[in-house]
Amino acid sequence: MKYGKRLREEVERTFPEWRGEFISYKELKRQLKLIYPCTDSETIHDQVSRFVAGELFNVNTLRESNGFAQLLDNEVNKAITFFNEKEEDYIIRLKELQIRAANLENPSEKLQVQKDILDFRAEMVLLLHYSVLNFTGLIKIVKKHNKRTGTCFQFSSMRRVMQQPSFSTDLLHQLMEECEVMLYRLFLSDGP
C-alpha cells in the first residue's frame, strides 16, 4: 500500500478533527508531478539525464520548483504552528491538573482527576503520533523529490525544522512523564 493512502486512512481513523493540520503529502506529491512529469516511455533516469543536459530546464521549471519549495515550507510551518499551539495548551492543562490533584477533597473527586490525567496523557500520545506522521511525510516527499529530479533538495529551513519541538518532542515527553508522576502519587495515596 502506498504511503499517501496509508496516511489518509490513519488520519481518518485516528485524527479526524486534526485532518487539515497535517503536512499535505498529496498536494506536495501533485506539485512534484507537475514540475517533473514522467511519461510512460521515459524512465526517471532518462528524464534526469535530459534535465542535467539542460533539455528539460526552463524558466517555468525553475518557477514551479520554487513553488514546490514554498509549498513545502508553508506545509511544514503549518504543522509546526499546530504542534506548538497544542504543546502550549498542554502546559496550561497540566498545571490545572496539578492544582486539582493537590487540592482533592473526596474519593470521587480523586477518581475523576485520575481519569482526567489518563485522558490527557492519551491526547499527548496522539500528538506524538501526529509528529511522527508529519516527520515521515516530510522525509518521504523530500526523498521522492530527490529521486524524481536526481538532485538533492535544498530545503532552506531544514536545520530550523529539525530543531522544532514538533520533531524533537522533548517537551512533550517531559509533560507525559509529569502525568505519570502525578498518577503514581495519586494511586500511592490510596494506601497499601
N, C-alpha and C. Protein backbone atom coordinates (compact mmCIF):
# COMPACT_ATOMS: atom_id res chain seq x y z
N MET A 1 0.84 -1.18 0.00
CA MET A 1 0.00 0.00 0.00
C MET A 1 0.89 1.24 0.00
N LYS A 2 0.52 2.21 -0.78
CA LYS A 2 1.29 3.44 -0.91
C LYS A 2 1.19 4.28 0.36
N TYR A 3 2.25 5.05 0.63
CA TYR A 3 2.29 5.86 1.84
C TYR A 3 1.13 6.85 1.92
N GLY A 4 0.84 7.54 0.82
CA GLY A 4 -0.22 8.55 0.82
C GLY A 4 -1.56 7.97 1.23
N LYS A 5 -1.87 6.78 0.74
CA LYS A 5 -3.14 6.12 1.09
C LYS A 5 -3.13 5.71 2.56
N ARG A 6 -2.02 5.15 3.02
CA ARG A 6 -1.92 4.76 4.43
C ARG A 6 -2.06 5.99 5.33
N LEU A 7 -1.45 7.11 4.93
CA LEU A 7 -1.54 8.34 5.71
C LEU A 7 -2.99 8.82 5.80
N ARG A 8 -3.69 8.85 4.67
CA ARG A 8 -5.09 9.28 4.67
C ARG A 8 -5.94 8.39 5.58
N GLU A 9 -5.74 7.08 5.49
CA GLU A 9 -6.50 6.16 6.33
C GLU A 9 -6.20 6.37 7.81
N GLU A 10 -4.94 6.56 8.13
CA GLU A 10 -4.53 6.77 9.52
C GLU A 10 -5.11 8.06 10.07
N VAL A 11 -5.08 9.12 9.28
CA VAL A 11 -5.64 10.41 9.72
C VAL A 11 -7.14 10.29 9.93
N GLU A 12 -7.84 9.65 9.00
CA GLU A 12 -9.29 9.50 9.13
C GLU A 12 -9.66 8.64 10.33
N ARG A 13 -8.87 7.63 10.61
CA ARG A 13 -9.17 6.72 11.72
C ARG A 13 -8.81 7.32 13.07
N THR A 14 -7.68 8.00 13.15
CA THR A 14 -7.16 8.46 14.43
C THR A 14 -7.36 9.94 14.71
N PHE A 15 -7.26 10.77 13.69
CA PHE A 15 -7.25 12.21 13.88
C PHE A 15 -8.28 12.95 13.02
N PRO A 16 -9.51 12.57 12.98
CA PRO A 16 -10.43 13.25 12.05
C PRO A 16 -10.54 14.76 12.30
N GLU A 17 -10.46 15.18 13.56
CA GLU A 17 -10.58 16.61 13.85
C GLU A 17 -9.29 17.38 13.54
N TRP A 18 -8.19 16.69 13.36
CA TRP A 18 -6.92 17.34 13.04
C TRP A 18 -6.58 17.19 11.55
N ARG A 19 -7.51 16.74 10.75
CA ARG A 19 -7.29 16.41 9.34
C ARG A 19 -6.54 17.51 8.58
N GLY A 20 -6.94 18.75 8.71
CA GLY A 20 -6.32 19.84 7.97
C GLY A 20 -4.99 20.32 8.52
N GLU A 21 -4.54 19.74 9.60
CA GLU A 21 -3.32 20.20 10.26
C GLU A 21 -2.07 19.42 9.87
N PHE A 22 -2.24 18.37 9.11
CA PHE A 22 -1.10 17.56 8.68
C PHE A 22 -0.43 18.18 7.46
N ILE A 23 0.83 17.83 7.25
CA ILE A 23 1.51 18.21 6.02
C ILE A 23 0.74 17.56 4.88
N SER A 24 0.40 18.33 3.88
CA SER A 24 -0.42 17.84 2.77
C SER A 24 0.46 17.07 1.79
N TYR A 25 0.69 15.82 2.12
CA TYR A 25 1.55 14.96 1.30
C TYR A 25 1.00 14.84 -0.12
N LYS A 26 -0.30 14.68 -0.23
CA LYS A 26 -0.93 14.52 -1.54
C LYS A 26 -0.71 15.76 -2.41
N GLU A 27 -0.90 16.94 -1.86
CA GLU A 27 -0.72 18.19 -2.62
C GLU A 27 0.75 18.38 -3.00
N LEU A 28 1.66 18.06 -2.10
CA LEU A 28 3.08 18.17 -2.41
C LEU A 28 3.48 17.20 -3.52
N LYS A 29 2.94 15.99 -3.46
CA LYS A 29 3.23 15.00 -4.49
C LYS A 29 2.68 15.45 -5.85
N ARG A 30 1.47 16.02 -5.83
CA ARG A 30 0.86 16.53 -7.06
C ARG A 30 1.72 17.65 -7.66
N GLN A 31 2.19 18.56 -6.81
CA GLN A 31 3.04 19.66 -7.26
C GLN A 31 4.34 19.12 -7.86
N LEU A 32 4.89 18.10 -7.24
CA LEU A 32 6.13 17.49 -7.73
C LEU A 32 5.92 16.86 -9.10
N LYS A 33 4.78 16.22 -9.30
CA LYS A 33 4.48 15.61 -10.61
C LYS A 33 4.29 16.67 -11.69
N LEU A 34 3.78 17.84 -11.31
CA LEU A 34 3.62 18.92 -12.28
C LEU A 34 4.97 19.46 -12.74
N ILE A 35 5.91 19.51 -11.83
CA ILE A 35 7.22 20.07 -12.14
C ILE A 35 8.05 19.08 -12.97
N TYR A 36 8.05 17.83 -12.57
CA TYR A 36 8.89 16.82 -13.22
C TYR A 36 8.03 15.64 -13.67
N PRO A 37 7.22 15.83 -14.70
CA PRO A 37 6.37 14.72 -15.15
C PRO A 37 7.19 13.63 -15.82
N CYS A 38 6.76 12.40 -15.64
CA CYS A 38 7.39 11.26 -16.32
C CYS A 38 6.37 10.68 -17.29
N THR A 39 6.80 10.45 -18.51
CA THR A 39 5.93 9.78 -19.47
C THR A 39 6.17 8.29 -19.36
N ASP A 40 5.26 7.51 -19.92
CA ASP A 40 5.39 6.05 -19.85
C ASP A 40 6.64 5.58 -20.57
N SER A 41 6.98 6.25 -21.67
CA SER A 41 8.13 5.80 -22.46
C SER A 41 9.46 6.30 -21.90
N GLU A 42 9.40 7.22 -20.96
CA GLU A 42 10.64 7.82 -20.44
C GLU A 42 10.82 7.41 -18.98
N THR A 43 11.96 6.85 -18.67
CA THR A 43 12.24 6.49 -17.28
C THR A 43 12.70 7.72 -16.53
N ILE A 44 12.67 7.63 -15.25
CA ILE A 44 13.15 8.74 -14.43
C ILE A 44 14.61 9.01 -14.73
N HIS A 45 15.40 7.95 -14.94
CA HIS A 45 16.82 8.12 -15.24
C HIS A 45 17.00 8.91 -16.54
N ASP A 46 16.19 8.58 -17.56
CA ASP A 46 16.27 9.32 -18.83
C ASP A 46 15.91 10.79 -18.62
N GLN A 47 14.87 11.01 -17.82
CA GLN A 47 14.43 12.39 -17.59
C GLN A 47 15.51 13.18 -16.84
N VAL A 48 16.12 12.56 -15.83
CA VAL A 48 17.17 13.23 -15.08
C VAL A 48 18.34 13.56 -16.01
N SER A 49 18.69 12.62 -16.89
CA SER A 49 19.78 12.86 -17.83
C SER A 49 19.46 14.05 -18.73
N ARG A 50 18.22 14.12 -19.20
CA ARG A 50 17.82 15.25 -20.05
C ARG A 50 17.80 16.55 -19.25
N PHE A 51 17.41 16.46 -17.97
CA PHE A 51 17.37 17.65 -17.12
C PHE A 51 18.79 18.19 -16.91
N VAL A 52 19.70 17.26 -16.58
CA VAL A 52 21.09 17.66 -16.35
C VAL A 52 21.70 18.25 -17.62
N ALA A 53 21.34 17.70 -18.77
CA ALA A 53 21.85 18.21 -20.04
C ALA A 53 21.22 19.55 -20.41
N GLY A 54 20.23 19.96 -19.67
CA GLY A 54 19.61 21.26 -19.94
C GLY A 54 18.41 21.21 -20.85
N GLU A 55 18.04 20.02 -21.31
CA GLU A 55 16.92 19.91 -22.25
C GLU A 55 15.57 20.17 -21.60
N LEU A 56 15.41 19.81 -20.32
CA LEU A 56 14.13 20.00 -19.65
C LEU A 56 14.09 21.27 -18.81
N PHE A 57 15.22 21.92 -18.67
CA PHE A 57 15.27 23.08 -17.79
C PHE A 57 14.78 24.32 -18.53
N ASN A 58 13.86 25.02 -17.90
CA ASN A 58 13.39 26.29 -18.44
C ASN A 58 12.93 27.16 -17.28
N VAL A 59 12.51 28.36 -17.57
CA VAL A 59 12.09 29.30 -16.53
C VAL A 59 10.88 28.76 -15.78
N ASN A 60 9.95 28.11 -16.49
CA ASN A 60 8.77 27.56 -15.81
C ASN A 60 9.15 26.49 -14.81
N THR A 61 10.12 25.65 -15.17
CA THR A 61 10.56 24.60 -14.25
C THR A 61 11.14 25.23 -13.00
N LEU A 62 11.94 26.25 -13.16
CA LEU A 62 12.53 26.94 -12.01
C LEU A 62 11.45 27.56 -11.14
N ARG A 63 10.49 28.21 -11.76
CA ARG A 63 9.40 28.86 -11.02
C ARG A 63 8.58 27.80 -10.27
N GLU A 64 8.26 26.69 -10.96
CA GLU A 64 7.48 25.63 -10.33
C GLU A 64 8.26 24.95 -9.21
N SER A 65 9.58 24.81 -9.40
CA SER A 65 10.42 24.23 -8.36
C SER A 65 10.43 25.12 -7.13
N ASN A 66 10.52 26.42 -7.34
CA ASN A 66 10.44 27.35 -6.22
C ASN A 66 9.07 27.28 -5.57
N GLY A 67 8.03 27.06 -6.38
CA GLY A 67 6.68 26.90 -5.86
C GLY A 67 6.57 25.67 -4.96
N PHE A 68 7.25 24.58 -5.36
CA PHE A 68 7.27 23.38 -4.54
C PHE A 68 7.95 23.67 -3.21
N ALA A 69 9.09 24.35 -3.27
CA ALA A 69 9.82 24.68 -2.04
C ALA A 69 8.97 25.56 -1.13
N GLN A 70 8.27 26.52 -1.71
CA GLN A 70 7.41 27.41 -0.93
C GLN A 70 6.24 26.64 -0.32
N LEU A 71 5.63 25.76 -1.11
CA LEU A 71 4.52 24.94 -0.61
C LEU A 71 5.00 24.04 0.52
N LEU A 72 6.16 23.43 0.35
CA LEU A 72 6.71 22.57 1.40
C LEU A 72 6.97 23.37 2.67
N ASP A 73 7.56 24.54 2.52
CA ASP A 73 7.83 25.40 3.66
C ASP A 73 6.53 25.80 4.37
N ASN A 74 5.51 26.14 3.61
CA ASN A 74 4.21 26.50 4.19
C ASN A 74 3.59 25.33 4.94
N GLU A 75 3.67 24.15 4.35
CA GLU A 75 3.09 22.96 4.99
C GLU A 75 3.83 22.62 6.29
N VAL A 76 5.14 22.72 6.27
CA VAL A 76 5.93 22.44 7.48
C VAL A 76 5.61 23.47 8.55
N ASN A 77 5.53 24.74 8.17
CA ASN A 77 5.19 25.79 9.14
C ASN A 77 3.80 25.58 9.73
N LYS A 78 2.86 25.12 8.92
CA LYS A 78 1.50 24.83 9.41
C LYS A 78 1.55 23.75 10.49
N ALA A 79 2.30 22.68 10.23
CA ALA A 79 2.39 21.58 11.19
C ALA A 79 3.11 22.03 12.46
N ILE A 80 4.17 22.82 12.31
CA ILE A 80 4.92 23.30 13.48
C ILE A 80 4.04 24.20 14.33
N THR A 81 3.31 25.11 13.70
CA THR A 81 2.43 26.02 14.44
C THR A 81 1.37 25.25 15.21
N PHE A 82 0.73 24.28 14.55
CA PHE A 82 -0.29 23.47 15.22
C PHE A 82 0.30 22.75 16.42
N PHE A 83 1.44 22.12 16.23
CA PHE A 83 2.08 21.36 17.31
C PHE A 83 2.43 22.29 18.47
N ASN A 84 3.01 23.44 18.18
CA ASN A 84 3.40 24.38 19.23
C ASN A 84 2.19 24.89 20.01
N GLU A 85 1.10 25.16 19.31
CA GLU A 85 -0.12 25.61 19.99
C GLU A 85 -0.66 24.52 20.91
N LYS A 86 -0.64 23.29 20.44
CA LYS A 86 -1.10 22.17 21.26
C LYS A 86 -0.21 22.01 22.49
N GLU A 87 1.09 22.11 22.30
CA GLU A 87 2.02 21.99 23.42
C GLU A 87 1.79 23.07 24.46
N GLU A 88 1.59 24.30 24.01
CA GLU A 88 1.31 25.39 24.95
C GLU A 88 0.02 25.12 25.72
N ASP A 89 -0.99 24.63 25.03
CA ASP A 89 -2.26 24.28 25.68
C ASP A 89 -2.04 23.16 26.70
N TYR A 90 -1.20 22.20 26.36
CA TYR A 90 -0.94 21.08 27.27
C TYR A 90 -0.19 21.54 28.53
N ILE A 91 0.68 22.50 28.39
CA ILE A 91 1.39 23.03 29.57
C ILE A 91 0.38 23.64 30.55
N ILE A 92 -0.56 24.41 30.02
CA ILE A 92 -1.58 25.05 30.86
C ILE A 92 -2.48 23.99 31.49
N ARG A 93 -2.91 23.03 30.69
CA ARG A 93 -3.79 21.98 31.21
C ARG A 93 -3.10 21.13 32.27
N LEU A 94 -1.80 20.89 32.11
CA LEU A 94 -1.06 20.12 33.11
C LEU A 94 -1.03 20.87 34.44
N LYS A 95 -0.78 22.17 34.39
CA LYS A 95 -0.77 22.98 35.62
C LYS A 95 -2.13 22.91 36.32
N GLU A 96 -3.21 22.99 35.53
CA GLU A 96 -4.56 22.90 36.11
C GLU A 96 -4.78 21.54 36.77
N LEU A 97 -4.33 20.47 36.12
CA LEU A 97 -4.47 19.14 36.70
C LEU A 97 -3.62 19.00 37.97
N GLN A 98 -2.45 19.59 37.97
CA GLN A 98 -1.61 19.54 39.17
C GLN A 98 -2.29 20.24 40.34
N ILE A 99 -2.91 21.36 40.07
CA ILE A 99 -3.64 22.09 41.13
C ILE A 99 -4.81 21.26 41.63
N ARG A 100 -5.56 20.67 40.70
CA ARG A 100 -6.69 19.82 41.10
C ARG A 100 -6.21 18.63 41.93
N ALA A 101 -5.11 18.01 41.52
CA ALA A 101 -4.59 16.85 42.24
C ALA A 101 -4.11 17.22 43.63
N ALA A 102 -3.59 18.43 43.79
CA ALA A 102 -3.09 18.87 45.09
C ALA A 102 -4.21 19.26 46.04
N ASN A 103 -5.39 19.56 45.52
CA ASN A 103 -6.49 20.06 46.34
C ASN A 103 -7.68 19.10 46.36
N LEU A 104 -7.43 17.83 46.39
CA LEU A 104 -8.51 16.84 46.41
C LEU A 104 -9.19 16.84 47.77
N GLU A 105 -10.52 16.67 47.73
CA GLU A 105 -11.27 16.68 48.99
C GLU A 105 -11.99 15.38 49.27
N ASN A 106 -12.37 14.63 48.24
CA ASN A 106 -13.07 13.37 48.49
C ASN A 106 -12.66 12.32 47.46
N PRO A 107 -12.94 11.05 47.75
CA PRO A 107 -12.51 9.96 46.86
C PRO A 107 -13.09 10.03 45.44
N SER A 108 -14.33 10.49 45.30
CA SER A 108 -14.90 10.55 43.96
C SER A 108 -14.20 11.61 43.11
N GLU A 109 -13.79 12.69 43.75
CA GLU A 109 -13.04 13.74 43.05
C GLU A 109 -11.68 13.20 42.62
N LYS A 110 -11.08 12.41 43.48
CA LYS A 110 -9.78 11.81 43.18
C LYS A 110 -9.87 10.89 41.96
N LEU A 111 -10.93 10.10 41.91
CA LEU A 111 -11.13 9.20 40.78
C LEU A 111 -11.29 9.97 39.48
N GLN A 112 -12.01 11.08 39.53
CA GLN A 112 -12.21 11.91 38.34
C GLN A 112 -10.89 12.53 37.88
N VAL A 113 -10.06 12.98 38.82
CA VAL A 113 -8.76 13.57 38.47
C VAL A 113 -7.87 12.51 37.84
N GLN A 114 -7.88 11.30 38.37
CA GLN A 114 -7.09 10.22 37.79
C GLN A 114 -7.54 9.94 36.35
N LYS A 115 -8.84 9.90 36.13
CA LYS A 115 -9.37 9.68 34.79
C LYS A 115 -8.97 10.82 33.86
N ASP A 116 -9.06 12.05 34.32
CA ASP A 116 -8.69 13.21 33.50
C ASP A 116 -7.21 13.20 33.14
N ILE A 117 -6.37 12.77 34.07
CA ILE A 117 -4.93 12.68 33.80
C ILE A 117 -4.66 11.61 32.74
N LEU A 118 -5.33 10.46 32.85
CA LEU A 118 -5.15 9.39 31.86
C LEU A 118 -5.62 9.85 30.48
N ASP A 119 -6.76 10.52 30.41
CA ASP A 119 -7.26 11.03 29.12
C ASP A 119 -6.30 12.06 28.53
N PHE A 120 -5.79 12.92 29.40
CA PHE A 120 -4.86 13.96 28.97
C PHE A 120 -3.58 13.34 28.42
N ARG A 121 -3.06 12.35 29.10
CA ARG A 121 -1.84 11.69 28.63
C ARG A 121 -2.09 10.99 27.29
N ALA A 122 -3.26 10.39 27.14
CA ALA A 122 -3.60 9.74 25.87
C ALA A 122 -3.64 10.76 24.73
N GLU A 123 -4.12 11.95 25.01
CA GLU A 123 -4.15 13.00 24.00
C GLU A 123 -2.73 13.43 23.61
N MET A 124 -1.83 13.45 24.59
CA MET A 124 -0.44 13.78 24.28
C MET A 124 0.22 12.69 23.44
N VAL A 125 -0.15 11.43 23.67
CA VAL A 125 0.36 10.34 22.85
C VAL A 125 -0.09 10.53 21.40
N LEU A 126 -1.34 10.98 21.22
CA LEU A 126 -1.82 11.26 19.86
C LEU A 126 -1.00 12.37 19.21
N LEU A 127 -0.65 13.40 19.98
CA LEU A 127 0.17 14.48 19.42
C LEU A 127 1.56 13.96 19.04
N LEU A 128 2.08 13.07 19.83
CA LEU A 128 3.37 12.45 19.50
C LEU A 128 3.25 11.67 18.19
N HIS A 129 2.17 10.95 18.03
CA HIS A 129 1.90 10.20 16.79
C HIS A 129 1.76 11.17 15.61
N TYR A 130 1.09 12.28 15.84
CA TYR A 130 0.95 13.34 14.82
C TYR A 130 2.33 13.80 14.36
N SER A 131 3.22 14.01 15.30
CA SER A 131 4.58 14.46 14.99
C SER A 131 5.31 13.43 14.13
N VAL A 132 5.19 12.17 14.49
CA VAL A 132 5.86 11.10 13.74
C VAL A 132 5.32 11.02 12.31
N LEU A 133 4.01 11.11 12.15
CA LEU A 133 3.42 11.05 10.81
C LEU A 133 3.87 12.22 9.95
N ASN A 134 3.92 13.42 10.53
CA ASN A 134 4.37 14.58 9.76
C ASN A 134 5.84 14.47 9.38
N PHE A 135 6.65 14.01 10.30
CA PHE A 135 8.07 13.87 10.02
C PHE A 135 8.28 12.83 8.91
N THR A 136 7.55 11.72 9.00
CA THR A 136 7.65 10.68 7.97
C THR A 136 7.23 11.22 6.62
N GLY A 137 6.12 11.98 6.59
CA GLY A 137 5.66 12.57 5.34
C GLY A 137 6.68 13.53 4.76
N LEU A 138 7.30 14.33 5.61
CA LEU A 138 8.33 15.28 5.16
C LEU A 138 9.51 14.54 4.54
N ILE A 139 9.99 13.53 5.23
CA ILE A 139 11.13 12.76 4.73
C ILE A 139 10.76 12.07 3.41
N LYS A 140 9.58 11.50 3.33
CA LYS A 140 9.17 10.79 2.11
C LYS A 140 9.03 11.72 0.93
N ILE A 141 8.47 12.92 1.12
CA ILE A 141 8.29 13.82 -0.02
C ILE A 141 9.63 14.38 -0.47
N VAL A 142 10.54 14.65 0.46
CA VAL A 142 11.88 15.11 0.07
C VAL A 142 12.62 14.00 -0.67
N LYS A 143 12.47 12.76 -0.19
CA LYS A 143 13.10 11.62 -0.86
C LYS A 143 12.52 11.45 -2.27
N LYS A 144 11.20 11.60 -2.39
CA LYS A 144 10.54 11.49 -3.69
C LYS A 144 11.04 12.58 -4.63
N HIS A 145 11.22 13.79 -4.10
CA HIS A 145 11.75 14.90 -4.90
C HIS A 145 13.14 14.54 -5.40
N ASN A 146 13.99 14.08 -4.50
CA ASN A 146 15.37 13.74 -4.87
C ASN A 146 15.42 12.62 -5.91
N LYS A 147 14.56 11.63 -5.75
CA LYS A 147 14.53 10.52 -6.69
C LYS A 147 14.03 10.97 -8.06
N ARG A 148 13.02 11.80 -8.08
CA ARG A 148 12.40 12.25 -9.34
C ARG A 148 13.33 13.20 -10.09
N THR A 149 14.05 14.04 -9.35
CA THR A 149 14.88 15.05 -10.02
C THR A 149 16.33 14.62 -10.17
N GLY A 150 16.77 13.67 -9.36
CA GLY A 150 18.16 13.26 -9.40
C GLY A 150 19.07 14.26 -8.71
N THR A 151 18.49 15.18 -7.97
CA THR A 151 19.27 16.17 -7.23
C THR A 151 18.90 16.11 -5.77
N CYS A 152 19.72 16.72 -4.96
CA CYS A 152 19.44 16.80 -3.53
C CYS A 152 18.64 18.06 -3.26
N PHE A 153 17.48 17.91 -2.66
CA PHE A 153 16.61 19.06 -2.40
C PHE A 153 17.24 19.94 -1.34
N GLN A 154 17.40 21.20 -1.64
CA GLN A 154 17.97 22.15 -0.70
C GLN A 154 16.84 22.85 0.05
N PHE A 155 16.34 22.20 1.07
CA PHE A 155 15.27 22.76 1.89
C PHE A 155 15.92 23.77 2.82
N SER A 156 15.74 25.04 2.51
CA SER A 156 16.48 26.11 3.18
C SER A 156 16.29 26.11 4.69
N SER A 157 15.16 25.67 5.16
CA SER A 157 14.92 25.75 6.59
C SER A 157 14.95 24.38 7.27
N MET A 158 15.62 23.39 6.64
CA MET A 158 15.65 22.04 7.21
C MET A 158 16.28 22.03 8.61
N ARG A 159 17.35 22.75 8.79
CA ARG A 159 18.00 22.78 10.11
C ARG A 159 17.05 23.36 11.15
N ARG A 160 16.34 24.44 10.77
CA ARG A 160 15.37 25.06 11.67
C ARG A 160 14.24 24.09 11.98
N VAL A 161 13.81 23.37 10.96
CA VAL A 161 12.72 22.40 11.13
C VAL A 161 13.13 21.31 12.11
N MET A 162 14.33 20.78 11.96
CA MET A 162 14.77 19.68 12.80
C MET A 162 14.93 20.09 14.26
N GLN A 163 15.07 21.39 14.52
CA GLN A 163 15.22 21.87 15.89
C GLN A 163 13.88 22.22 16.52
N GLN A 164 12.80 22.14 15.77
CA GLN A 164 11.47 22.47 16.29
C GLN A 164 10.99 21.38 17.25
N PRO A 165 10.22 21.80 18.27
CA PRO A 165 9.69 20.81 19.21
C PRO A 165 8.82 19.75 18.53
N SER A 166 8.19 20.11 17.42
CA SER A 166 7.32 19.16 16.75
C SER A 166 8.08 17.98 16.17
N PHE A 167 9.39 18.11 16.03
CA PHE A 167 10.19 17.00 15.53
C PHE A 167 11.16 16.47 16.58
N SER A 168 11.40 17.23 17.66
CA SER A 168 12.26 16.72 18.71
C SER A 168 11.44 16.14 19.86
N THR A 169 10.28 16.67 20.14
CA THR A 169 9.27 16.20 21.11
C THR A 169 9.78 16.05 22.54
N ASP A 170 10.89 16.68 22.90
CA ASP A 170 11.41 16.57 24.26
C ASP A 170 10.43 17.10 25.30
N LEU A 171 9.86 18.27 25.05
CA LEU A 171 8.91 18.86 26.00
C LEU A 171 7.68 17.98 26.15
N LEU A 172 7.21 17.44 25.05
CA LEU A 172 6.03 16.57 25.11
C LEU A 172 6.31 15.35 25.97
N HIS A 173 7.47 14.76 25.83
CA HIS A 173 7.84 13.61 26.66
C HIS A 173 7.93 14.01 28.13
N GLN A 174 8.44 15.19 28.40
CA GLN A 174 8.53 15.68 29.78
C GLN A 174 7.13 15.85 30.38
N LEU A 175 6.20 16.39 29.61
CA LEU A 175 4.83 16.56 30.09
C LEU A 175 4.17 15.20 30.36
N MET A 176 4.44 14.24 29.50
CA MET A 176 3.89 12.90 29.71
C MET A 176 4.46 12.27 30.97
N GLU A 177 5.74 12.47 31.22
CA GLU A 177 6.35 11.94 32.44
C GLU A 177 5.75 12.59 33.68
N GLU A 178 5.46 13.89 33.62
CA GLU A 178 4.84 14.56 34.76
C GLU A 178 3.44 14.01 35.03
N CYS A 179 2.72 13.64 34.01
CA CYS A 179 1.41 12.99 34.19
C CYS A 179 1.57 11.66 34.90
N GLU A 180 2.57 10.90 34.48
CA GLU A 180 2.82 9.60 35.10
C GLU A 180 3.18 9.75 36.57
N VAL A 181 3.97 10.76 36.90
CA VAL A 181 4.34 11.01 38.30
C VAL A 181 3.10 11.37 39.11
N MET A 182 2.24 12.23 38.56
CA MET A 182 1.01 12.59 39.27
C MET A 182 0.14 11.36 39.51
N LEU A 183 -0.01 10.54 38.49
CA LEU A 183 -0.81 9.32 38.65
C LEU A 183 -0.21 8.40 39.71
N TYR A 184 1.08 8.26 39.68
CA TYR A 184 1.76 7.41 40.65
C TYR A 184 1.48 7.90 42.07
N ARG A 185 1.60 9.20 42.27
CA ARG A 185 1.34 9.77 43.61
C ARG A 185 -0.12 9.60 44.02
N LEU A 186 -1.04 9.79 43.09
CA LEU A 186 -2.45 9.65 43.42
C LEU A 186 -2.80 8.21 43.76
N PHE A 187 -2.23 7.24 43.03
CA PHE A 187 -2.52 5.86 43.33
C PHE A 187 -1.83 5.40 44.61
N LEU A 188 -0.67 5.93 44.92
CA LEU A 188 0.02 5.57 46.16
C LEU A 188 -0.70 6.12 47.37
N SER A 189 -1.36 7.24 47.23
CA SER A 189 -2.03 7.83 48.39
C SER A 189 -3.25 7.03 48.81
N ASP A 190 -3.62 6.00 48.04
CA ASP A 190 -4.74 5.13 48.42
C ASP A 190 -4.38 4.21 49.56
N GLY A 191 -3.12 4.09 49.86
CA GLY A 191 -2.69 3.18 50.92
C GLY A 191 -2.07 1.93 50.33
N PRO A 192 -1.71 0.98 51.18
CA PRO A 192 -1.05 -0.23 50.70
C PRO A 192 -1.95 -1.10 49.85
